[in-house]
Amino acid sequence: MSTAAKIMTADELLRLPDDGYRYELIEGELRKMTPPGYEHGIVGQSLAWRLAAFVHQNKLGHVPLAETGFLISHDPDTVRAPDVSFVSKAQVQRCGLPVSYFPEAPALAVEVVSPDDTAEEVDSKIRQWISAGTKLAWVVYPRGRTVTVYRSLDDIRVLTEKDQLEGEDVVPGFRCRVADIFVTT
């Protein structure tokens, strides 16, 4: 007798009762997300407010909250929630403002690495974002004070505190010093 887990859909995930936890759906499998630590939240917010202010000022699209889900594949469904994201004006015009999950990958996905994240987990997330159509992904490493920039799975650069983080053609004109993202006590 098989004990295979029940495959869940994005609609079922959306209707789950609020039990205080955050979930993602990976190929139909429900995954509970551990709340991130304080440093993770501060570093993510440091980048998010800079990006959101620039995007708003230049009317480029939206920078939704970290809990925002993106439906990035179907049958079985995958719903991911990056730590920071950017949805372009063109995407919003095409998809509108859905009440449920945004129906495609964000133009920019940012993952802030927590101490308990494994390299395999981070790699898997980035692979999923890029495969789903994300044009630019940033992986922020608070402990190492670096940002890894992915244009594709073959076009990867590591930036240090001496470098500028740029939105390239995805968030045109956005830039900030990598050092400014990281919190000092």
Protein backbone atom coordinates (compact mmCIF):
# COMPACT_ATOMS: atom_id res chain seq x y z
CA MET A 1 0.00 0.00 0.00
CA SER A 2 1.40 3.39 -1.02
CA THR A 3 1.80 6.20 1.48
CA ALA A 4 2.51 8.88 -1.12
CA ALA A 5 1.84 12.42 0.05
CA LYS A 6 -1.26 14.15 -1.32
CA ILE A 7 -0.44 16.60 -4.09
CA MET A 8 -1.77 20.06 -3.25
CA THR A 9 -2.74 22.76 -5.73
CA ALA A 10 -2.05 26.49 -5.53
CA ASP A 11 -5.77 27.09 -4.91
CA GLU A 12 -5.73 24.70 -1.94
CA LEU A 13 -2.63 26.41 -0.56
CA LEU A 14 -4.37 29.78 -0.81
CA ARG A 15 -7.35 28.44 1.18
CA LEU A 16 -5.30 26.95 4.02
CA PRO A 17 -6.36 28.35 7.39
CA ASP A 18 -3.91 30.79 8.95
CA ASP A 19 -1.98 28.79 11.53
CA GLY A 20 0.78 31.39 11.97
CA TYR A 21 3.24 29.65 9.63
CA ARG A 22 4.38 30.55 6.14
CA TYR A 23 4.28 27.87 3.46
CA GLU A 24 5.54 27.34 -0.04
CA LEU A 25 4.34 24.70 -2.48
CA ILE A 26 7.08 22.81 -4.29
CA GLU A 27 5.82 20.60 -7.12
CA GLY A 28 2.59 20.04 -5.20
CA GLU A 29 4.29 19.32 -1.87
CA LEU A 30 3.51 21.65 1.05
CA ARG A 31 6.66 22.97 2.76
CA LYS A 32 6.57 24.85 6.05
CA MET A 33 8.98 27.77 6.14
CA THR A 34 10.77 28.56 9.37
CA PRO A 35 10.49 32.25 10.29
CA PRO A 36 13.81 33.92 9.47
CA GLY A 37 16.06 35.48 12.08
CA TYR A 38 16.43 39.15 12.87
CA GLU A 39 19.56 39.73 10.77
CA HIS A 40 17.85 38.15 7.76
CA GLY A 41 14.86 40.47 8.18
CA ILE A 42 16.94 43.61 8.60
CA VAL A 43 19.18 42.88 5.61
CA GLY A 44 16.19 41.98 3.42
CA GLN A 45 14.34 45.12 4.45
CA SER A 46 17.45 47.26 3.87
CA LEU A 47 17.51 46.14 0.25
CA ALA A 48 13.72 46.09 -0.17
CA TRP A 49 13.11 49.70 0.88
CA ARG A 50 15.87 50.98 -1.42
CA LEU A 51 14.46 49.00 -4.33
CA ALA A 52 10.82 49.89 -3.55
CA ALA A 53 11.57 53.62 -3.29
CA PHE A 54 13.36 53.59 -6.65
CA VAL A 55 10.67 51.51 -8.37
CA HIS A 56 7.88 53.70 -6.97
CA GLN A 57 9.62 56.97 -7.85
CA ASN A 58 10.23 55.81 -11.41
CA LYS A 59 6.85 54.06 -11.85
CA LEU A 60 8.53 50.82 -12.94
CA GLY A 61 6.16 48.31 -11.31
CA HIS A 62 5.82 46.84 -7.82
CA VAL A 63 7.99 45.52 -4.98
CA PRO A 64 5.59 43.31 -2.99
CA LEU A 65 6.04 42.08 0.58
CA ALA A 66 8.22 39.05 1.24
CA GLU A 67 5.21 36.79 1.90
CA THR A 68 3.88 37.32 -1.63
CA GLY A 69 3.48 34.05 -3.51
CA PHE A 70 4.33 33.53 -7.17
CA LEU A 71 2.79 30.60 -9.05
CA ILE A 72 5.77 29.56 -11.16
CA SER A 73 4.74 26.14 -12.46
CA HIS A 74 1.61 24.00 -12.89
CA ASP A 75 0.63 20.33 -12.63
CA PRO A 76 2.01 19.93 -10.05
CA ASP A 77 1.89 23.51 -8.83
CA THR A 78 4.86 25.38 -7.39
CA VAL A 79 4.30 28.56 -5.39
CA ARG A 80 7.42 30.31 -4.11
CA ALA A 81 7.83 33.48 -2.06
CA PRO A 82 11.16 35.28 -2.46
CA ASP A 83 12.52 37.51 0.30
CA VAL A 84 12.37 40.53 -2.03
CA SER A 85 10.96 40.74 -5.55
CA PHE A 86 10.22 43.14 -8.37
CA VAL A 87 7.28 42.79 -10.74
CA SER A 88 7.66 45.01 -13.81
CA LYS A 89 5.01 47.42 -15.05
CA ALA A 90 4.64 45.26 -18.18
CA GLN A 91 3.93 42.20 -16.03
CA VAL A 92 1.32 44.11 -14.00
CA GLN A 93 -0.34 45.34 -17.22
CA ARG A 94 -0.38 41.79 -18.57
CA CYS A 95 -1.54 40.02 -15.38
CA GLY A 96 -3.34 42.75 -13.44
CA LEU A 97 -3.46 42.72 -9.64
CA PRO A 98 -4.53 39.16 -8.82
CA VAL A 99 -6.11 38.48 -5.43
CA SER A 100 -4.39 35.10 -5.43
CA TYR A 101 -0.76 34.37 -6.28
CA PHE A 102 0.94 36.32 -9.04
CA PRO A 103 0.63 33.99 -12.07
CA GLU A 104 4.25 34.18 -13.23
CA ALA A 105 7.75 34.61 -11.86
CA PRO A 106 8.89 38.08 -10.79
CA ALA A 107 11.33 39.91 -13.07
CA LEU A 108 13.73 40.06 -10.10
CA ALA A 109 13.86 37.56 -7.24
CA VAL A 110 16.05 38.09 -4.18
CA GLU A 111 16.91 35.42 -1.65
CA VAL A 112 18.58 36.44 1.61
CA VAL A 113 20.51 33.46 2.96
CA SER A 114 19.85 32.47 6.58
CA PRO A 115 22.38 30.54 8.68
CA ASP A 116 20.27 27.36 8.42
CA ASP A 117 19.85 27.51 4.61
CA THR A 118 21.81 24.84 2.79
CA ALA A 119 23.66 25.48 -0.46
CA GLU A 120 21.37 22.92 -2.13
CA GLU A 121 18.23 24.78 -1.00
CA VAL A 122 19.52 28.12 -2.25
CA ASP A 123 20.66 26.59 -5.55
CA SER A 124 17.27 24.90 -6.01
CA LYS A 125 15.39 28.18 -5.44
CA ILE A 126 17.56 30.07 -7.93
CA ARG A 127 17.22 27.31 -10.52
CA GLN A 128 13.43 27.43 -10.11
CA TRP A 129 13.29 31.22 -10.40
CA ILE A 130 15.47 31.31 -13.53
CA SER A 131 13.66 28.35 -15.13
CA ALA A 132 10.30 30.03 -14.47
CA GLY A 133 11.35 33.21 -16.29
CA THR A 134 12.96 35.43 -13.66
CA LYS A 135 15.38 37.65 -15.59
CA LEU A 136 17.63 38.60 -12.66
CA ALA A 137 18.19 36.94 -9.29
CA TRP A 138 20.27 38.15 -6.36
CA VAL A 139 21.42 35.92 -3.51
CA VAL A 140 22.40 38.01 -0.51
CA TYR A 141 24.85 36.49 1.99
CA PRO A 142 24.75 38.53 5.23
CA ARG A 143 27.56 36.53 6.89
CA GLY A 144 29.93 36.94 3.94
CA ARG A 145 28.62 40.39 3.06
CA THR A 146 28.38 39.48 -0.63
CA VAL A 147 25.68 39.33 -3.30
CA THR A 148 25.70 36.73 -6.05
CA VAL A 149 24.02 38.00 -9.23
CA TYR A 150 22.39 35.53 -11.64
CA ARG A 151 21.38 36.56 -15.16
CA SER A 152 21.10 32.88 -16.05
CA LEU A 153 22.47 29.65 -14.65
CA ASP A 154 25.64 30.32 -16.69
CA ASP A 155 25.99 34.09 -16.16
CA ILE A 156 26.90 34.50 -12.49
CA ARG A 157 28.89 37.22 -10.69
CA VAL A 158 29.84 37.66 -7.04
CA LEU A 159 29.83 41.22 -5.70
CA THR A 160 31.62 42.33 -2.55
CA GLU A 161 31.09 45.36 -0.32
CA LYS A 162 33.30 47.40 -2.67
CA ASP A 163 30.93 46.84 -5.60
CA GLN A 164 27.69 48.40 -6.83
CA LEU A 165 24.55 46.27 -7.09
CA GLU A 166 22.68 47.26 -10.25
CA GLY A 167 19.23 46.51 -11.62
CA GLU A 168 20.70 46.27 -15.12
CA ASP A 169 17.95 46.18 -17.79
CA VAL A 170 15.46 44.58 -15.36
CA VAL A 171 15.23 47.55 -12.98
CA PRO A 172 16.91 50.16 -15.17
CA GLY A 173 18.81 52.84 -13.27
CA PHE A 174 18.66 51.12 -9.87
CA ARG A 175 21.98 50.90 -8.06
CA CYS A 176 23.23 50.82 -4.53
CA ARG A 177 26.48 49.98 -2.85
CA VAL A 178 26.59 46.39 -1.67
CA ALA A 179 28.02 47.64 1.63
CA ASP A 180 24.87 49.73 2.23
CA ILE A 181 22.65 46.62 2.29
CA PHE A 182 24.38 45.13 5.30
CA VAL A 183 23.60 46.20 8.84
CA THR A 184 26.22 47.37 11.23
CA THR A 185 25.63 47.36 14.97
